[in-house]
PDB file of N, CA and C in Angstrom:
ATOM      1  N   MET A   1     -25.656  -9.513  17.081  1.00  0.00           N
ATOM      2  CA  MET A   1     -25.589  -8.236  17.742  1.00  0.00           C
ATOM      3  C   MET A   1     -25.905  -7.135  16.745  1.00  0.00           C
ATOM      4  N   GLU A   2     -26.751  -6.215  17.113  1.00  0.00           N
ATOM      5  CA  GLU A   2     -27.125  -5.121  16.228  1.00  0.00           C
ATOM      6  C   GLU A   2     -26.317  -3.870  16.540  1.00  0.00           C
ATOM      7  N   ILE A   3     -26.050  -3.105  15.497  1.00  0.00           N
ATOM      8  CA  ILE A   3     -25.358  -1.826  15.656  1.00  0.00           C
ATOM      9  C   ILE A   3     -26.411  -0.781  15.955  1.00  0.00           C
ATOM     10  N   ALA A   4     -26.170   0.004  16.975  1.00  0.00           N
ATOM     11  CA  ALA A   4     -27.120   1.045  17.348  1.00  0.00           C
ATOM     12  C   ALA A   4     -27.169   2.109  16.264  1.00  0.00           C
ATOM     13  N   SER A   5     -28.335   2.290  15.700  1.00  0.00           N
ATOM     14  CA  SER A   5     -28.497   3.284  14.653  1.00  0.00           C
ATOM     15  C   SER A   5     -29.971   3.613  14.530  1.00  0.00           C
ATOM     16  N   ASP A   6     -30.246   4.858  14.338  1.00  0.00           N
ATOM     17  CA  ASP A   6     -31.634   5.277  14.184  1.00  0.00           C
ATOM     18  C   ASP A   6     -32.159   4.968  12.785  1.00  0.00           C
ATOM     19  N   SER A   7     -31.268   4.951  11.787  1.00  0.00           N
ATOM     20  CA  SER A   7     -31.718   4.870  10.399  1.00  0.00           C
ATOM     21  C   SER A   7     -31.674   3.467   9.796  1.00  0.00           C
ATOM     22  N   SER A   8     -31.033   2.499  10.440  1.00  0.00           N
ATOM     23  CA  SER A   8     -30.968   1.166   9.830  1.00  0.00           C
ATOM     24  C   SER A   8     -30.952   0.079  10.891  1.00  0.00           C
ATOM     25  N   ASN A   9     -31.206  -1.109  10.439  1.00  0.00           N
ATOM     26  CA  ASN A   9     -31.202  -2.285  11.301  1.00  0.00           C
ATOM     27  C   ASN A   9     -30.093  -3.226  10.849  1.00  0.00           C
ATOM     28  N   THR A  10     -28.899  -2.720  10.586  1.00  0.00           N
ATOM     29  CA  THR A  10     -27.793  -3.500  10.042  1.00  0.00           C
ATOM     30  C   THR A  10     -27.127  -4.314  11.136  1.00  0.00           C
ATOM     31  N   LEU A  11     -26.855  -5.575  10.831  1.00  0.00           N
ATOM     32  CA  LEU A  11     -26.164  -6.438  11.776  1.00  0.00           C
ATOM     33  C   LEU A  11     -24.664  -6.228  11.673  1.00  0.00           C
ATOM     34  N   ARG A  12     -23.961  -6.329  12.770  1.00  0.00           N
ATOM     35  CA  ARG A  12     -22.515  -6.172  12.799  1.00  0.00           C
ATOM     36  C   ARG A  12     -21.839  -7.199  11.891  1.00  0.00           C
ATOM     37  N   GLU A  13     -22.391  -8.403  11.790  1.00  0.00           N
ATOM     38  CA  GLU A  13     -21.799  -9.451  10.977  1.00  0.00           C
ATOM     39  C   GLU A  13     -21.820  -9.104   9.485  1.00  0.00           C
ATOM     40  N   ASP A  14     -22.664  -8.156   9.086  1.00  0.00           N
ATOM     41  CA  ASP A  14     -22.764  -7.770   7.684  1.00  0.00           C
ATOM     42  C   ASP A  14     -21.591  -6.914   7.226  1.00  0.00           C
ATOM     43  N   TYR A  15     -20.809  -6.408   8.164  1.00  0.00           N
ATOM     44  CA  TYR A  15     -19.682  -5.549   7.812  1.00  0.00           C
ATOM     45  C   TYR A  15     -18.442  -6.382   7.540  1.00  0.00           C
ATOM     46  N   ASP A  16     -17.676  -5.987   6.521  1.00  0.00           N
ATOM     47  CA  ASP A  16     -16.401  -6.643   6.243  1.00  0.00           C
ATOM     48  C   ASP A  16     -15.393  -6.220   7.291  1.00  0.00           C
ATOM     49  N   LYS A  17     -14.475  -7.081   7.538  1.00  0.00           N
ATOM     50  CA  LYS A  17     -13.392  -6.756   8.474  1.00  0.00           C
ATOM     51  C   LYS A  17     -12.345  -5.950   7.723  1.00  0.00           C
ATOM     52  N   LEU A  18     -11.748  -5.009   8.401  1.00  0.00           N
ATOM     53  CA  LEU A  18     -10.730  -4.157   7.800  1.00  0.00           C
ATOM     54  C   LEU A  18      -9.440  -4.333   8.572  1.00  0.00           C
ATOM     55  N   GLU A  19      -8.367  -4.573   7.857  1.00  0.00           N
ATOM     56  CA  GLU A  19      -7.062  -4.717   8.486  1.00  0.00           C
ATOM     57  C   GLU A  19      -6.144  -3.646   7.912  1.00  0.00           C
ATOM     58  N   THR A  20      -5.421  -2.995   8.776  1.00  0.00           N
ATOM     59  CA  THR A  20      -4.516  -1.930   8.350  1.00  0.00           C
ATOM     60  C   THR A  20      -3.081  -2.362   8.567  1.00  0.00           C
ATOM     61  N   VAL A  21      -2.264  -2.151   7.558  1.00  0.00           N
ATOM     62  CA  VAL A  21      -0.841  -2.444   7.645  1.00  0.00           C
ATOM     63  C   VAL A  21      -0.103  -1.136   7.391  1.00  0.00           C
ATOM     64  N   VAL A  22       0.811  -0.795   8.272  1.00  0.00           N
ATOM     65  CA  VAL A  22       1.599   0.419   8.121  1.00  0.00           C
ATOM     66  C   VAL A  22       3.034   0.023   7.828  1.00  0.00           C
ATOM     67  N   ILE A  23       3.559   0.518   6.714  1.00  0.00           N
ATOM     68  CA  ILE A  23       4.940   0.259   6.338  1.00  0.00           C
ATOM     69  C   ILE A  23       5.643   1.602   6.284  1.00  0.00           C
ATOM     70  N   THR A  24       6.677   1.747   7.065  1.00  0.00           N
ATOM     71  CA  THR A  24       7.446   2.982   7.064  1.00  0.00           C
ATOM     72  C   THR A  24       8.592   2.841   6.079  1.00  0.00           C
ATOM     73  N   LEU A  25       8.593   3.700   5.081  1.00  0.00           N
ATOM     74  CA  LEU A  25       9.635   3.669   4.066  1.00  0.00           C
ATOM     75  C   LEU A  25      10.555   4.866   4.288  1.00  0.00           C
ATOM     76  N   ASN A  26      11.857   4.622   4.279  1.00  0.00           N
ATOM     77  CA  ASN A  26      12.801   5.721   4.441  1.00  0.00           C
ATOM     78  C   ASN A  26      13.660   5.836   3.195  1.00  0.00           C
ATOM     79  N   GLU A  27      14.634   6.695   3.238  1.00  0.00           N
ATOM     80  CA  GLU A  27      15.487   6.938   2.078  1.00  0.00           C
ATOM     81  C   GLU A  27      16.273   5.698   1.661  1.00  0.00           C
ATOM     82  N   ASP A  28      16.512   4.787   2.571  1.00  0.00           N
ATOM     83  CA  ASP A  28      17.279   3.577   2.265  1.00  0.00           C
ATOM     84  C   ASP A  28      16.446   2.512   1.560  1.00  0.00           C
ATOM     85  N   GLY A  29      15.159   2.757   1.385  1.00  0.00           N
ATOM     86  CA  GLY A  29      14.274   1.761   0.792  1.00  0.00           C
ATOM     87  C   GLY A  29      14.665   1.341  -0.611  1.00  0.00           C
ATOM     88  N   LEU A  30      15.217   2.261  -1.381  1.00  0.00           N
ATOM     89  CA  LEU A  30      15.611   1.946  -2.754  1.00  0.00           C
ATOM     90  C   LEU A  30      16.790   0.985  -2.807  1.00  0.00           C
ATOM     91  N   GLN A  31      17.564   0.893  -1.712  1.00  0.00           N
ATOM     92  CA  GLN A  31      18.700  -0.026  -1.657  1.00  0.00           C
ATOM     93  C   GLN A  31      18.404  -1.255  -0.804  1.00  0.00           C
ATOM     94  N   SER A  32      17.164  -1.426  -0.408  1.00  0.00           N
ATOM     95  CA  SER A  32      16.789  -2.544   0.452  1.00  0.00           C
ATOM     96  C   SER A  32      17.025  -3.882  -0.244  1.00  0.00           C
ATOM     97  N   GLU A  33      17.330  -4.903   0.543  1.00  0.00           N
ATOM     98  CA  GLU A  33      17.471  -6.259   0.014  1.00  0.00           C
ATOM     99  C   GLU A  33      16.106  -6.860  -0.304  1.00  0.00           C
ATOM    100  N   ASN A  34      15.070  -6.332   0.315  1.00  0.00           N
ATOM    101  CA  ASN A  34      13.714  -6.831   0.112  1.00  0.00           C
ATOM    102  C   ASN A  34      13.126  -6.188  -1.147  1.00  0.00           C
ATOM    103  N   GLU A  35      12.784  -7.027  -2.124  1.00  0.00           N
ATOM    104  CA  GLU A  35      12.296  -6.516  -3.406  1.00  0.00           C
ATOM    105  C   GLU A  35      10.983  -5.744  -3.264  1.00  0.00           C
ATOM    106  N   LEU A  36      10.106  -6.180  -2.385  1.00  0.00           N
ATOM    107  CA  LEU A  36       8.839  -5.481  -2.183  1.00  0.00           C
ATOM    108  C   LEU A  36       9.070  -4.085  -1.608  1.00  0.00           C
ATOM    109  N   ILE A  37       9.983  -3.967  -0.649  1.00  0.00           N
ATOM    110  CA  ILE A  37      10.298  -2.660  -0.063  1.00  0.00           C
ATOM    111  C   ILE A  37      10.905  -1.746  -1.125  1.00  0.00           C
ATOM    112  N   ARG A  38      11.798  -2.284  -1.955  1.00  0.00           N
ATOM    113  CA  ARG A  38      12.371  -1.476  -3.048  1.00  0.00           C
ATOM    114  C   ARG A  38      11.280  -1.003  -3.997  1.00  0.00           C
ATOM    115  N   TYR A  39      10.361  -1.899  -4.353  1.00  0.00           N
ATOM    116  CA  TYR A  39       9.274  -1.566  -5.274  1.00  0.00           C
ATOM    117  C   TYR A  39       8.388  -0.463  -4.690  1.00  0.00           C
ATOM    118  N   LEU A  40       7.967  -0.629  -3.446  1.00  0.00           N
ATOM    119  CA  LEU A  40       7.107   0.374  -2.817  1.00  0.00           C
ATOM    120  C   LEU A  40       7.834   1.703  -2.650  1.00  0.00           C
ATOM    121  N   SER A  41       9.108   1.654  -2.305  1.00  0.00           N
ATOM    122  CA  SER A  41       9.893   2.885  -2.153  1.00  0.00           C
ATOM    123  C   SER A  41       9.974   3.628  -3.476  1.00  0.00           C
ATOM    124  N   LEU A  42      10.139   2.903  -4.540  1.00  0.00           N
ATOM    125  CA  LEU A  42      10.209   3.499  -5.865  1.00  0.00           C
ATOM    126  C   LEU A  42       8.841   4.035  -6.286  1.00  0.00           C
ATOM    127  N   LEU A  43       7.829   3.240  -6.087  1.00  0.00           N
ATOM    128  CA  LEU A  43       6.476   3.618  -6.480  1.00  0.00           C
ATOM    129  C   LEU A  43       5.998   4.877  -5.761  1.00  0.00           C
ATOM    130  N   LEU A  44       6.317   4.993  -4.487  1.00  0.00           N
ATOM    131  CA  LEU A  44       5.814   6.095  -3.674  1.00  0.00           C
ATOM    132  C   LEU A  44       6.795   7.255  -3.518  1.00  0.00           C
ATOM    133  N   ASN A  45       7.899   7.214  -4.233  1.00  0.00           N
ATOM    134  CA  ASN A  45       8.929   8.244  -4.145  1.00  0.00           C
ATOM    135  C   ASN A  45       8.455   9.511  -4.850  1.00  0.00           C
ATOM    136  N   LYS A  46       8.170  10.558  -4.083  1.00  0.00           N
ATOM    137  CA  LYS A  46       7.672  11.810  -4.651  1.00  0.00           C
ATOM    138  C   LYS A  46       8.796  12.738  -5.090  1.00  0.00           C
ATOM    139  N   GLU A  47      10.028  12.424  -4.716  1.00  0.00           N
ATOM    140  CA  GLU A  47      11.158  13.268  -5.086  1.00  0.00           C
ATOM    141  C   GLU A  47      11.702  12.914  -6.469  1.00  0.00           C
ATOM    142  N   MET A  48      11.413  11.717  -6.950  1.00  0.00           N
ATOM    143  CA  MET A  48      11.882  11.262  -8.255  1.00  0.00           C
ATOM    144  C   MET A  48      10.845  11.657  -9.316  1.00  0.00           C
ATOM    145  N   PRO A  49      11.299  12.176 -10.459  1.00  0.00           N
ATOM    146  CA  PRO A  49      10.348  12.528 -11.524  1.00  0.00           C
ATOM    147  C   PRO A  49       9.536  11.307 -11.976  1.00  0.00           C
ATOM    148  N   VAL A  50       8.300  11.541 -12.361  1.00  0.00           N
ATOM    149  CA  VAL A  50       7.394  10.464 -12.748  1.00  0.00           C
ATOM    150  C   VAL A  50       7.979   9.624 -13.881  1.00  0.00           C
ATOM    151  N   GLU A  51       8.565  10.268 -14.874  1.00  0.00           N
ATOM    152  CA  GLU A  51       9.119   9.536 -16.011  1.00  0.00           C
ATOM    153  C   GLU A  51      10.221   8.577 -15.568  1.00  0.00           C
ATOM    154  N   GLN A  52      11.053   9.029 -14.653  1.00  0.00           N
ATOM    155  CA  GLN A  52      12.143   8.182 -14.154  1.00  0.00           C
ATOM    156  C   GLN A  52      11.579   7.016 -13.342  1.00  0.00           C
ATOM    157  N   ARG A  53      10.566   7.292 -12.523  1.00  0.00           N
ATOM    158  CA  ARG A  53       9.937   6.224 -11.741  1.00  0.00           C
ATOM    159  C   ARG A  53       9.327   5.168 -12.654  1.00  0.00           C
ATOM    160  N   GLU A  54       8.649   5.617 -13.720  1.00  0.00           N
ATOM    161  CA  GLU A  54       8.029   4.678 -14.650  1.00  0.00           C
ATOM    162  C   GLU A  54       9.079   3.769 -15.294  1.00  0.00           C
ATOM    163  N   LYS A  55      10.210   4.347 -15.700  1.00  0.00           N
ATOM    164  CA  LYS A  55      11.275   3.550 -16.321  1.00  0.00           C
ATOM    165  C   LYS A  55      11.843   2.534 -15.334  1.00  0.00           C
ATOM    166  N   GLU A  56      12.055   2.973 -14.102  1.00  0.00           N
ATOM    167  CA  GLU A  56      12.599   2.074 -13.074  1.00  0.00           C
ATOM    168  C   GLU A  56      11.601   0.979 -12.718  1.00  0.00           C
ATOM    169  N   LEU A  57      10.319   1.319 -12.660  1.00  0.00           N
ATOM    170  CA  LEU A  57       9.292   0.323 -12.336  1.00  0.00           C
ATOM    171  C   LEU A  57       9.187  -0.736 -13.436  1.00  0.00           C
ATOM    172  N   GLU A  58       9.413  -0.329 -14.689  1.00  0.00           N
ATOM    173  CA  GLU A  58       9.382  -1.291 -15.795  1.00  0.00           C
ATOM    174  C   GLU A  58      10.507  -2.311 -15.664  1.00  0.00           C
ATOM    175  N   LYS A  59      11.595  -1.946 -15.017  1.00  0.00           N
ATOM    176  CA  LYS A  59      12.746  -2.843 -14.840  1.00  0.00           C
ATOM    177  C   LYS A  59      12.522  -3.866 -13.725  1.00  0.00           C
ATOM    178  N   THR A  60      11.587  -3.586 -12.825  1.00  0.00           N
ATOM    179  CA  THR A  60      11.400  -4.464 -11.677  1.00  0.00           C
ATOM    180  C   THR A  60      10.847  -5.815 -12.115  1.00  0.00           C
ATOM    181  N   THR A  61      11.172  -6.835 -11.371  1.00  0.00           N
ATOM    182  CA  THR A  61      10.721  -8.184 -11.690  1.00  0.00           C
ATOM    183  C   THR A  61       9.725  -8.712 -10.672  1.00  0.00           C
ATOM    184  N   ILE A  62       9.237  -7.862  -9.807  1.00  0.00           N
ATOM    185  CA  ILE A  62       8.409  -8.332  -8.701  1.00  0.00           C
ATOM    186  C   ILE A  62       7.104  -8.968  -9.173  1.00  0.00           C
ATOM    187  N   PHE A  63       6.546  -8.520 -10.294  1.00  0.00           N
ATOM    188  CA  PHE A  63       5.269  -9.073 -10.761  1.00  0.00           C
ATOM    189  C   PHE A  63       5.419  -9.887 -12.043  1.00  0.00           C
ATOM    190  N   LYS A  64       6.628 -10.232 -12.398  1.00  0.00           N
ATOM    191  CA  LYS A  64       6.842 -10.992 -13.639  1.00  0.00           C
ATOM    192  C   LYS A  64       6.909 -12.470 -13.358  1.00  0.00           C
TER     193      LYS A  64
END
């Protein structure tokens, strides 16, 4: 199947599939039992100073 386009003859099969995952993080994320949720909550926490986040991220064991 071809994609309708005036400028190219690209086939639909040539495109990579894209999957979107939405994770809602709330204030309780830092105390979550799930290590990944704690890590993401810490990583994306804009209220915590960067230096403090870096120190806390170094303590995590999720990628060790």
